Amino acid sequence: MSDFCPCTSGNQFGECCEPYLIGRDKPQTAEALMRSRYSAYALGAIDYLYNTSSDKVRKEFDGESSRKWSESAEWTGIDILSKEGGEADDDKGVVEFLAHYKVDETDYNHHERAEFAKVKGEWVFVDGKIIGPEPERRDGPKVGRNDPCTCGSGKKYKKCCGGVK
């Protein structure tokens, strides 16, 4: 592993996210917490993810799935796209980010708006909204499996064009 922090801040790991991951220090901003959580995924520090989550998130936290995702990916960097609040003197903050990773040599991007809050003076992850492309909208009516095929063959849709993969 490089001496540089996985969070791609450009800083040395020992001076960036490592103090947070080993419990020597606490992130002072929502962005610092977001970056350290990314580093936790990159390094498999799943307990840190749990410990820096709100009570609501902890109730739904699946440590085993998080561990599997962490281990299955090669984490290649994070871009902080925007921030709202989340400074040392704020109580809430939002960080929009794009996390980059590879699985089986395929590149992926995880785009999210993460919400953070201070609980007892410490930043925690509260919720995240994944940002992705809008769902495709169908212009015409849905064709049922047993309807006549739209190509005009006279066959049922499921036995004609609907059966094509």
N, C-alpha and C. Protein backbone atom coordinates (compact mmCIF):
# COMPACT_ATOMS: atom_id res chain seq x y z
N MET A 1 0.84 -1.17 0.00
CA MET A 1 0.00 0.00 0.00
C MET A 1 0.89 1.24 0.00
N SER A 2 0.44 2.24 -0.71
CA SER A 2 1.15 3.52 -0.78
C SER A 2 1.09 4.22 0.56
N ASP A 3 2.02 5.14 0.77
CA ASP A 3 2.00 5.94 1.99
C ASP A 3 0.91 7.00 1.94
N PHE A 4 0.35 7.24 0.71
CA PHE A 4 -0.70 8.24 0.59
C PHE A 4 -2.03 7.67 1.04
N CYS A 5 -2.87 8.53 1.56
CA CYS A 5 -4.16 8.11 2.10
C CYS A 5 -5.08 7.62 0.98
N PRO A 6 -5.83 6.54 1.22
CA PRO A 6 -6.78 6.05 0.22
C PRO A 6 -7.84 7.08 -0.17
N CYS A 7 -8.08 8.07 0.70
CA CYS A 7 -9.12 9.06 0.42
C CYS A 7 -8.72 10.06 -0.66
N THR A 8 -7.54 9.89 -1.22
CA THR A 8 -7.00 10.72 -2.30
C THR A 8 -6.94 12.21 -1.97
N SER A 9 -6.72 12.52 -0.71
CA SER A 9 -6.54 13.91 -0.30
C SER A 9 -5.19 14.44 -0.73
N GLY A 10 -4.26 13.52 -1.02
CA GLY A 10 -2.90 13.90 -1.35
C GLY A 10 -2.00 13.92 -0.12
N ASN A 11 -2.59 13.68 1.05
CA ASN A 11 -1.83 13.66 2.31
C ASN A 11 -1.38 12.24 2.65
N GLN A 12 -0.37 12.17 3.50
CA GLN A 12 0.10 10.88 3.98
C GLN A 12 -0.98 10.25 4.86
N PHE A 13 -1.14 8.94 4.75
CA PHE A 13 -2.17 8.21 5.51
C PHE A 13 -2.06 8.49 7.01
N GLY A 14 -0.85 8.47 7.54
CA GLY A 14 -0.64 8.69 8.97
C GLY A 14 -1.02 10.07 9.45
N GLU A 15 -1.12 11.03 8.54
CA GLU A 15 -1.50 12.39 8.89
C GLU A 15 -2.90 12.74 8.41
N CYS A 16 -3.58 11.78 7.82
CA CYS A 16 -4.90 12.03 7.24
C CYS A 16 -5.96 11.18 7.95
N CYS A 17 -6.30 10.04 7.40
CA CYS A 17 -7.38 9.21 7.94
C CYS A 17 -6.96 8.20 9.00
N GLU A 18 -5.70 7.82 9.02
CA GLU A 18 -5.27 6.80 9.99
C GLU A 18 -5.60 7.16 11.43
N PRO A 19 -5.35 8.40 11.90
CA PRO A 19 -5.69 8.71 13.30
C PRO A 19 -7.17 8.47 13.62
N TYR A 20 -8.05 8.66 12.64
CA TYR A 20 -9.48 8.41 12.86
C TYR A 20 -9.76 6.92 12.91
N LEU A 21 -9.18 6.18 11.96
CA LEU A 21 -9.46 4.75 11.87
C LEU A 21 -8.95 3.98 13.09
N ILE A 22 -7.88 4.45 13.71
CA ILE A 22 -7.35 3.74 14.88
C ILE A 22 -7.85 4.35 16.19
N GLY A 23 -8.72 5.37 16.11
CA GLY A 23 -9.33 5.95 17.31
C GLY A 23 -8.47 6.94 18.06
N ARG A 24 -7.39 7.41 17.47
CA ARG A 24 -6.53 8.39 18.12
C ARG A 24 -7.13 9.80 18.06
N ASP A 25 -7.98 10.05 17.06
CA ASP A 25 -8.57 11.37 16.87
C ASP A 25 -9.95 11.20 16.26
N LYS A 26 -10.74 12.28 16.24
CA LYS A 26 -12.09 12.28 15.66
C LYS A 26 -12.13 13.31 14.54
N PRO A 27 -12.81 13.00 13.43
CA PRO A 27 -12.94 13.98 12.35
C PRO A 27 -13.66 15.24 12.85
N GLN A 28 -13.14 16.40 12.44
CA GLN A 28 -13.70 17.67 12.89
C GLN A 28 -14.73 18.25 11.92
N THR A 29 -14.82 17.66 10.70
CA THR A 29 -15.78 18.12 9.70
C THR A 29 -16.49 16.91 9.08
N ALA A 30 -17.63 17.17 8.45
CA ALA A 30 -18.36 16.11 7.75
C ALA A 30 -17.52 15.56 6.60
N GLU A 31 -16.79 16.43 5.89
CA GLU A 31 -15.94 15.95 4.80
C GLU A 31 -14.85 15.03 5.32
N ALA A 32 -14.23 15.39 6.43
CA ALA A 32 -13.18 14.52 6.99
C ALA A 32 -13.76 13.16 7.37
N LEU A 33 -14.99 13.15 7.91
CA LEU A 33 -15.62 11.87 8.24
C LEU A 33 -15.90 11.10 6.96
N MET A 34 -16.40 11.77 5.92
CA MET A 34 -16.69 11.09 4.66
C MET A 34 -15.42 10.48 4.08
N ARG A 35 -14.35 11.23 4.07
CA ARG A 35 -13.08 10.72 3.54
C ARG A 35 -12.59 9.53 4.36
N SER A 36 -12.72 9.62 5.68
CA SER A 36 -12.25 8.51 6.52
C SER A 36 -13.13 7.27 6.35
N ARG A 37 -14.41 7.46 6.09
CA ARG A 37 -15.28 6.32 5.85
C ARG A 37 -14.92 5.65 4.51
N TYR A 38 -14.56 6.45 3.52
CA TYR A 38 -14.09 5.88 2.25
C TYR A 38 -12.82 5.05 2.51
N SER A 39 -11.89 5.62 3.27
CA SER A 39 -10.65 4.90 3.60
C SER A 39 -10.97 3.61 4.35
N ALA A 40 -11.99 3.64 5.19
CA ALA A 40 -12.38 2.44 5.93
C ALA A 40 -12.84 1.35 4.96
N TYR A 41 -13.62 1.72 3.94
CA TYR A 41 -14.01 0.74 2.93
C TYR A 41 -12.77 0.21 2.21
N ALA A 42 -11.87 1.12 1.84
CA ALA A 42 -10.68 0.72 1.09
C ALA A 42 -9.79 -0.22 1.88
N LEU A 43 -9.79 -0.08 3.20
CA LEU A 43 -8.90 -0.87 4.05
C LEU A 43 -9.61 -1.97 4.83
N GLY A 44 -10.91 -2.10 4.65
CA GLY A 44 -11.66 -3.15 5.34
C GLY A 44 -11.91 -2.87 6.81
N ALA A 45 -11.91 -1.61 7.21
CA ALA A 45 -12.14 -1.24 8.62
C ALA A 45 -13.64 -1.08 8.86
N ILE A 46 -14.35 -2.19 8.82
CA ILE A 46 -15.81 -2.20 8.88
C ILE A 46 -16.32 -1.72 10.25
N ASP A 47 -15.61 -2.03 11.32
CA ASP A 47 -16.03 -1.55 12.64
C ASP A 47 -16.08 -0.03 12.68
N TYR A 48 -15.16 0.63 11.98
CA TYR A 48 -15.15 2.08 11.94
C TYR A 48 -16.42 2.60 11.26
N LEU A 49 -16.86 1.93 10.21
CA LEU A 49 -18.09 2.34 9.53
C LEU A 49 -19.28 2.25 10.49
N TYR A 50 -19.35 1.18 11.23
CA TYR A 50 -20.42 1.01 12.21
C TYR A 50 -20.33 2.08 13.29
N ASN A 51 -19.15 2.28 13.83
CA ASN A 51 -18.96 3.22 14.94
C ASN A 51 -19.20 4.67 14.55
N THR A 52 -19.09 5.01 13.27
CA THR A 52 -19.30 6.39 12.83
C THR A 52 -20.66 6.56 12.18
N SER A 53 -21.59 5.67 12.50
CA SER A 53 -22.96 5.73 11.99
C SER A 53 -23.91 6.13 13.11
N SER A 54 -25.02 6.76 12.72
CA SER A 54 -26.06 7.12 13.69
C SER A 54 -26.74 5.86 14.21
N ASP A 55 -27.47 5.98 15.29
CA ASP A 55 -28.18 4.82 15.86
C ASP A 55 -29.12 4.19 14.83
N LYS A 56 -29.81 5.01 14.05
CA LYS A 56 -30.75 4.48 13.05
C LYS A 56 -30.00 3.65 12.02
N VAL A 57 -28.87 4.14 11.55
CA VAL A 57 -28.07 3.40 10.56
C VAL A 57 -27.52 2.12 11.18
N ARG A 58 -27.09 2.20 12.43
CA ARG A 58 -26.55 1.01 13.10
C ARG A 58 -27.56 -0.11 13.17
N LYS A 59 -28.84 0.23 13.36
CA LYS A 59 -29.89 -0.80 13.45
C LYS A 59 -30.01 -1.57 12.14
N GLU A 60 -29.71 -0.91 11.02
CA GLU A 60 -29.84 -1.54 9.71
C GLU A 60 -28.50 -1.98 9.13
N PHE A 61 -27.42 -1.76 9.86
CA PHE A 61 -26.07 -2.02 9.35
C PHE A 61 -25.84 -3.51 9.18
N ASP A 62 -25.38 -3.89 8.00
CA ASP A 62 -25.05 -5.28 7.71
C ASP A 62 -23.54 -5.37 7.55
N GLY A 63 -22.87 -5.69 8.63
CA GLY A 63 -21.41 -5.73 8.64
C GLY A 63 -20.83 -6.73 7.67
N GLU A 64 -21.46 -7.88 7.54
CA GLU A 64 -20.94 -8.92 6.64
C GLU A 64 -21.02 -8.47 5.18
N SER A 65 -22.14 -7.88 4.78
CA SER A 65 -22.27 -7.37 3.41
C SER A 65 -21.28 -6.25 3.15
N SER A 66 -21.11 -5.38 4.13
CA SER A 66 -20.14 -4.28 4.00
C SER A 66 -18.73 -4.83 3.84
N ARG A 67 -18.41 -5.85 4.61
CA ARG A 67 -17.08 -6.47 4.53
C ARG A 67 -16.87 -7.10 3.15
N LYS A 68 -17.88 -7.81 2.66
CA LYS A 68 -17.76 -8.46 1.35
C LYS A 68 -17.57 -7.43 0.24
N TRP A 69 -18.34 -6.33 0.31
CA TRP A 69 -18.20 -5.28 -0.70
C TRP A 69 -16.81 -4.66 -0.62
N SER A 70 -16.37 -4.39 0.59
CA SER A 70 -15.05 -3.80 0.81
C SER A 70 -13.95 -4.67 0.22
N GLU A 71 -14.03 -5.96 0.48
CA GLU A 71 -12.98 -6.89 0.05
C GLU A 71 -13.06 -7.22 -1.44
N SER A 72 -14.24 -7.11 -2.03
CA SER A 72 -14.39 -7.48 -3.45
C SER A 72 -13.91 -6.39 -4.39
N ALA A 73 -13.73 -5.19 -3.87
CA ALA A 73 -13.41 -4.05 -4.72
C ALA A 73 -11.97 -3.58 -4.53
N GLU A 74 -11.46 -2.98 -5.59
CA GLU A 74 -10.21 -2.23 -5.53
C GLU A 74 -10.63 -0.76 -5.50
N TRP A 75 -10.38 -0.10 -4.40
CA TRP A 75 -10.84 1.28 -4.19
C TRP A 75 -9.84 2.24 -4.80
N THR A 76 -10.29 3.04 -5.77
CA THR A 76 -9.36 3.84 -6.58
C THR A 76 -9.44 5.34 -6.34
N GLY A 77 -10.32 5.80 -5.45
CA GLY A 77 -10.34 7.23 -5.13
C GLY A 77 -11.73 7.76 -4.87
N ILE A 78 -11.77 8.96 -4.34
CA ILE A 78 -13.04 9.62 -4.07
C ILE A 78 -12.92 11.08 -4.47
N ASP A 79 -13.97 11.59 -5.09
CA ASP A 79 -14.06 13.01 -5.42
C ASP A 79 -15.17 13.62 -4.59
N ILE A 80 -14.85 14.68 -3.88
CA ILE A 80 -15.87 15.43 -3.14
C ILE A 80 -16.42 16.46 -4.13
N LEU A 81 -17.71 16.33 -4.47
CA LEU A 81 -18.31 17.19 -5.48
C LEU A 81 -18.89 18.47 -4.90
N SER A 82 -19.46 18.38 -3.70
CA SER A 82 -20.00 19.58 -3.05
C SER A 82 -20.19 19.32 -1.56
N LYS A 83 -20.27 20.43 -0.82
CA LYS A 83 -20.49 20.36 0.63
C LYS A 83 -21.49 21.43 1.01
N GLU A 84 -22.35 21.09 1.95
CA GLU A 84 -23.29 22.05 2.54
C GLU A 84 -23.14 21.93 4.04
N GLY A 85 -22.69 22.99 4.69
CA GLY A 85 -22.46 22.93 6.13
C GLY A 85 -21.36 21.93 6.42
N GLY A 86 -21.45 21.31 7.58
CA GLY A 86 -20.50 20.26 7.92
C GLY A 86 -19.15 20.74 8.43
N GLU A 87 -19.03 22.03 8.72
CA GLU A 87 -17.77 22.54 9.25
C GLU A 87 -17.70 22.26 10.75
N ALA A 88 -16.58 22.54 11.35
CA ALA A 88 -16.34 22.22 12.76
C ALA A 88 -17.39 22.82 13.69
N ASP A 89 -17.91 23.99 13.36
CA ASP A 89 -18.88 24.64 14.24
C ASP A 89 -20.33 24.39 13.83
N ASP A 90 -20.57 23.55 12.82
CA ASP A 90 -21.93 23.20 12.39
C ASP A 90 -22.42 21.96 13.13
N ASP A 91 -23.73 21.75 13.09
CA ASP A 91 -24.33 20.55 13.67
C ASP A 91 -24.76 19.54 12.61
N LYS A 92 -24.90 20.01 11.36
CA LYS A 92 -25.31 19.14 10.26
C LYS A 92 -24.49 19.47 9.03
N GLY A 93 -24.43 18.51 8.14
CA GLY A 93 -23.73 18.73 6.89
C GLY A 93 -24.11 17.69 5.86
N VAL A 94 -23.93 18.07 4.60
CA VAL A 94 -24.18 17.17 3.48
C VAL A 94 -22.93 17.18 2.61
N VAL A 95 -22.49 16.00 2.22
CA VAL A 95 -21.33 15.87 1.34
C VAL A 95 -21.77 15.03 0.14
N GLU A 96 -21.67 15.63 -1.04
CA GLU A 96 -21.94 14.88 -2.26
C GLU A 96 -20.60 14.38 -2.79
N PHE A 97 -20.53 13.10 -3.08
CA PHE A 97 -19.25 12.52 -3.49
C PHE A 97 -19.42 11.49 -4.58
N LEU A 98 -18.31 11.19 -5.22
CA LEU A 98 -18.23 10.14 -6.22
C LEU A 98 -17.09 9.23 -5.80
N ALA A 99 -17.43 8.02 -5.35
CA ALA A 99 -16.43 7.04 -4.93
C ALA A 99 -16.11 6.13 -6.13
N HIS A 100 -14.84 5.94 -6.39
CA HIS A 100 -14.40 5.15 -7.53
C HIS A 100 -13.84 3.81 -7.03
N TYR A 101 -14.22 2.74 -7.72
CA TYR A 101 -13.70 1.42 -7.36
C TYR A 101 -13.78 0.50 -8.58
N LYS A 102 -13.07 -0.61 -8.50
CA LYS A 102 -13.08 -1.62 -9.55
C LYS A 102 -13.49 -2.95 -8.95
N VAL A 103 -14.24 -3.71 -9.72
CA VAL A 103 -14.56 -5.09 -9.38
C VAL A 103 -14.33 -5.90 -10.66
N ASP A 104 -13.48 -6.91 -10.58
CA ASP A 104 -13.15 -7.74 -11.74
C ASP A 104 -12.74 -6.90 -12.95
N GLU A 105 -11.86 -5.94 -12.72
CA GLU A 105 -11.30 -5.07 -13.77
C GLU A 105 -12.33 -4.13 -14.42
N THR A 106 -13.54 -4.05 -13.87
CA THR A 106 -14.54 -3.12 -14.37
C THR A 106 -14.62 -1.93 -13.42
N ASP A 107 -14.54 -0.72 -13.98
CA ASP A 107 -14.61 0.50 -13.17
C ASP A 107 -16.06 0.84 -12.83
N TYR A 108 -16.26 1.27 -11.59
CA TYR A 108 -17.58 1.71 -11.12
C TYR A 108 -17.43 3.03 -10.38
N ASN A 109 -18.53 3.77 -10.35
CA ASN A 109 -18.61 5.01 -9.58
C ASN A 109 -19.85 4.95 -8.71
N HIS A 110 -19.69 5.28 -7.46
CA HIS A 110 -20.81 5.34 -6.52
C HIS A 110 -21.04 6.82 -6.22
N HIS A 111 -22.15 7.37 -6.70
CA HIS A 111 -22.47 8.79 -6.55
C HIS A 111 -23.54 8.92 -5.47
N GLU A 112 -23.26 9.70 -4.44
CA GLU A 112 -24.17 9.78 -3.29
C GLU A 112 -24.12 11.17 -2.66
N ARG A 113 -25.25 11.55 -2.07
CA ARG A 113 -25.33 12.72 -1.20
C ARG A 113 -25.49 12.17 0.22
N ALA A 114 -24.46 12.32 1.01
CA ALA A 114 -24.44 11.76 2.36
C ALA A 114 -24.75 12.85 3.37
N GLU A 115 -25.63 12.52 4.30
CA GLU A 115 -26.02 13.44 5.36
C GLU A 115 -25.30 13.06 6.65
N PHE A 116 -24.80 14.07 7.34
CA PHE A 116 -24.07 13.89 8.58
C PHE A 116 -24.64 14.80 9.65
N ALA A 117 -24.46 14.41 10.89
CA ALA A 117 -24.88 15.24 12.03
C ALA A 117 -23.91 15.01 13.18
N LYS A 118 -23.86 16.00 14.05
CA LYS A 118 -23.06 15.83 15.26
C LYS A 118 -23.94 15.25 16.34
N VAL A 119 -23.46 14.19 16.96
CA VAL A 119 -24.14 13.55 18.08
C VAL A 119 -23.14 13.53 19.23
N LYS A 120 -23.49 14.18 20.31
CA LYS A 120 -22.59 14.29 21.46
C LYS A 120 -21.22 14.82 21.04
N GLY A 121 -21.24 15.80 20.13
CA GLY A 121 -20.02 16.47 19.71
C GLY A 121 -19.20 15.75 18.66
N GLU A 122 -19.68 14.61 18.14
CA GLU A 122 -18.93 13.85 17.14
C GLU A 122 -19.77 13.68 15.87
N TRP A 123 -19.11 13.82 14.73
CA TRP A 123 -19.79 13.64 13.45
C TRP A 123 -20.13 12.16 13.23
N VAL A 124 -21.37 11.92 12.76
CA VAL A 124 -21.81 10.57 12.39
C VAL A 124 -22.55 10.63 11.05
N PHE A 125 -22.51 9.52 10.34
CA PHE A 125 -23.26 9.35 9.10
C PHE A 125 -24.72 9.10 9.45
N VAL A 126 -25.63 9.85 8.83
CA VAL A 126 -27.06 9.75 9.15
C VAL A 126 -27.84 9.06 8.04
N ASP A 127 -27.56 9.42 6.79
CA ASP A 127 -28.33 8.87 5.68
C ASP A 127 -27.60 9.18 4.38
N GLY A 128 -27.90 8.43 3.35
CA GLY A 128 -27.32 8.68 2.05
C GLY A 128 -28.34 8.46 0.96
N LYS A 129 -28.29 9.31 -0.03
CA LYS A 129 -29.17 9.19 -1.19
C LYS A 129 -28.28 8.93 -2.41
N ILE A 130 -28.45 7.77 -3.00
CA ILE A 130 -27.68 7.42 -4.18
C ILE A 130 -28.22 8.23 -5.35
N ILE A 131 -27.30 8.78 -6.12
CA ILE A 131 -27.67 9.58 -7.28
C ILE A 131 -27.32 8.76 -8.51
N GLY A 132 -28.28 8.61 -9.38
CA GLY A 132 -28.05 7.83 -10.59
C GLY A 132 -28.90 8.37 -11.72
N PRO A 133 -28.83 7.73 -12.85
CA PRO A 133 -29.63 8.18 -13.99
C PRO A 133 -31.11 8.00 -13.70
N GLU A 134 -31.90 8.83 -14.32
CA GLU A 134 -33.36 8.71 -14.19
C GLU A 134 -33.81 7.39 -14.82
N PRO A 135 -34.83 6.76 -14.23
CA PRO A 135 -35.33 5.52 -14.82
C PRO A 135 -35.88 5.80 -16.23
N GLU A 136 -35.75 4.81 -17.10
CA GLU A 136 -36.29 4.96 -18.45
C GLU A 136 -37.80 4.93 -18.37
N ARG A 137 -38.43 5.82 -19.14
CA ARG A 137 -39.89 5.91 -19.20
C ARG A 137 -40.38 5.32 -20.51
N ARG A 138 -41.43 4.53 -20.44
CA ARG A 138 -42.03 3.92 -21.61
C ARG A 138 -43.02 4.91 -22.21
N ASP A 139 -42.95 5.13 -23.53
CA ASP A 139 -43.88 6.04 -24.19
C ASP A 139 -45.23 5.38 -24.43
N GLY A 140 -45.22 4.14 -24.87
CA GLY A 140 -46.46 3.44 -25.19
C GLY A 140 -46.91 2.54 -24.06
N PRO A 141 -48.03 1.86 -24.28
CA PRO A 141 -48.52 0.94 -23.25
C PRO A 141 -47.61 -0.29 -23.13
N LYS A 142 -47.63 -0.89 -21.96
CA LYS A 142 -46.84 -2.09 -21.72
C LYS A 142 -47.43 -3.25 -22.51
N VAL A 143 -46.54 -4.04 -23.12
CA VAL A 143 -46.97 -5.22 -23.86
C VAL A 143 -46.86 -6.40 -22.91
N GLY A 144 -47.97 -7.12 -22.71
CA GLY A 144 -47.98 -8.29 -21.84
C GLY A 144 -47.38 -9.50 -22.54
N ARG A 145 -46.93 -10.45 -21.75
CA ARG A 145 -46.31 -11.66 -22.31
C ARG A 145 -47.24 -12.42 -23.25
N ASN A 146 -48.54 -12.40 -22.96
CA ASN A 146 -49.49 -13.17 -23.77
C ASN A 146 -50.18 -12.33 -24.84
N ASP A 147 -49.81 -11.05 -24.96
CA ASP A 147 -50.38 -10.20 -26.02
C ASP A 147 -49.76 -10.56 -27.36
N PRO A 148 -50.44 -10.24 -28.46
CA PRO A 148 -49.83 -10.47 -29.78
C PRO A 148 -48.55 -9.64 -29.89
N CYS A 149 -47.54 -10.20 -30.54
CA CYS A 149 -46.26 -9.51 -30.68
C CYS A 149 -46.42 -8.24 -31.50
N THR A 150 -45.70 -7.22 -31.13
CA THR A 150 -45.78 -5.91 -31.79
C THR A 150 -45.15 -5.92 -33.17
N CYS A 151 -44.41 -6.97 -33.51
CA CYS A 151 -43.78 -7.04 -34.84
C CYS A 151 -44.74 -7.49 -35.93
N GLY A 152 -45.94 -7.97 -35.53
CA GLY A 152 -46.95 -8.38 -36.50
C GLY A 152 -46.85 -9.83 -36.94
N SER A 153 -46.07 -10.63 -36.25
CA SER A 153 -45.88 -12.04 -36.65
C SER A 153 -47.11 -12.90 -36.38
N GLY A 154 -47.99 -12.44 -35.49
CA GLY A 154 -49.15 -13.24 -35.12
C GLY A 154 -48.87 -14.14 -33.93
N LYS A 155 -47.61 -14.24 -33.51
CA LYS A 155 -47.25 -15.05 -32.35
C LYS A 155 -47.48 -14.24 -31.07
N LYS A 156 -47.53 -14.96 -29.94
CA LYS A 156 -47.56 -14.28 -28.65
C LYS A 156 -46.23 -13.59 -28.45
N TYR A 157 -46.27 -12.46 -27.77
CA TYR A 157 -45.06 -11.66 -27.53
C TYR A 157 -43.98 -12.50 -26.86
N LYS A 158 -44.35 -13.33 -25.87
CA LYS A 158 -43.36 -14.14 -25.14
C LYS A 158 -42.69 -15.18 -26.01
N LYS A 159 -43.34 -15.59 -27.11
CA LYS A 159 -42.78 -16.60 -28.00
C LYS A 159 -42.06 -15.96 -29.20
N CYS A 160 -42.09 -14.63 -29.25
CA CYS A 160 -41.48 -13.94 -30.39
C CYS A 160 -40.43 -12.96 -29.87
N CYS A 161 -40.66 -11.68 -30.06
CA CYS A 161 -39.68 -10.65 -29.68
C CYS A 161 -39.49 -10.55 -28.16
N GLY A 162 -40.50 -10.90 -27.39
CA GLY A 162 -40.38 -10.85 -25.93
C GLY A 162 -39.50 -11.93 -25.36
N GLY A 163 -39.22 -12.96 -26.16
CA GLY A 163 -38.36 -14.04 -25.71
C GLY A 163 -36.90 -13.84 -26.09
N VAL A 164 -36.62 -12.80 -26.86
CA VAL A 164 -35.25 -12.49 -27.29
C VAL A 164 -34.49 -11.89 -26.13
N LYS A 165 -33.28 -12.38 -25.91
CA LYS A 165 -32.47 -11.85 -24.80
C LYS A 165 -31.34 -11.04 -25.33
